[in-house]
Amino acid sequence: MCSKGYAGDTGLMGFDRQLFKPAADQSGIYNVVGTEIPPNLKVRAGFATNLGSDSNTVVVPATGRQVEVLDFFWGGDFLVASSYWDHFSFGLGLPVLFVQSGTNFNTLQSFTASSLGDLRLDLKYRLAKESKKFPALALFSRFSFPTGSQAKFTGERGVSWDYRLVGDKAFDVLGSTFYVLGNVGFKLRKTVRILSSEFGDAFTFGVGARYQLPWQQKSWAVETELVGEKLFTDTKQSTVPLEWRLGVRKTVLGSKSKVHSSRDLEPRTSNLERCSYYFGVGKGLTSAIGSPAFRVFGGFTWQF
């Protein structure tokens, strides 16, 4: 039996399973945020989409039956950001889940659902620019706000807060630029129980790298990242989502574009004459909720 409805049909109300959440200013790689700040009072906008299958299954205690909670999902993020004084950026991200299907582990009925995700407010302050010896550093903060009741959206039970220390640095490798970055922080959110596991506050981490290919004016790049989170109170593998991603990025520059620094794949411009496109694949490395069996993603960024 198939039911059409909202995200509450999954039986996983009050817990955000989505691990793919690009920054509003689209700095860094995908989820791993970079220290780059958009040009002062300029607008950076874009869209990111992803689809895949969740690798998580739950065991119904009464019957011992294994249920695949989410067998397919397709969603997107609408992103917009700006900056002030070359040190501070701010932006919004609105995720939309176009379709998801699976089985409700409470009713054992299949479902097809769509919903809005949690509205995200991203703030970033750059502490220090990169030098020859030291990486650039920034503080990144994200507030997420529910867009509906527990039964009508795919998100947390209430307001959540994500706080990270961000660092990145560029190196000259084989005549081009190799860019490495890392995030470490924590996420504060209301605790929700799913069967025998509690999902609440978590330690978050991510590392990434990008290499600009030395042809076509270095407009092509290969990039990768590893992201995950670990709950403070529940350390079972089933509660530690971990995902590896690999992608390719193409940046198109106009005649008025100007490179801000050697490590910026996305240079500073004053017009809508610079845009970048990316696509890639991801693979969950654990069986935790939010760690996908596979993911295909893509997106674009425009600098106004």
Foldseek 3Di string as FASTA:
>chain_A
DEAEEAPLQLVPFAAALAPFDADLQNDDDTNAHAQFAAPAFWKKWKKKKKKAAALAWDQQVVPRDIFRSWGIWIKMKTHMKHAHPRFKIKIKIKIWTPWIWTARSVVRHIYIYIAIEWIKIKMKGWDAPDDPVAWTKMKIKMKTADPDDRNHHRYHNGIKMWIWIKTKDWDQDPNAIKIKIKIWTKMAGDWDDDVPDIDGIKTWIKIKMKTQDPPPVSQKIKMKMKIWIAHPPDHDLQAIKIKIKIKMKGKFADPQFDAPDRHDSFRHGDDQRIKMKMWIKMDIPTNYRSRRNIMTMMMMMTID
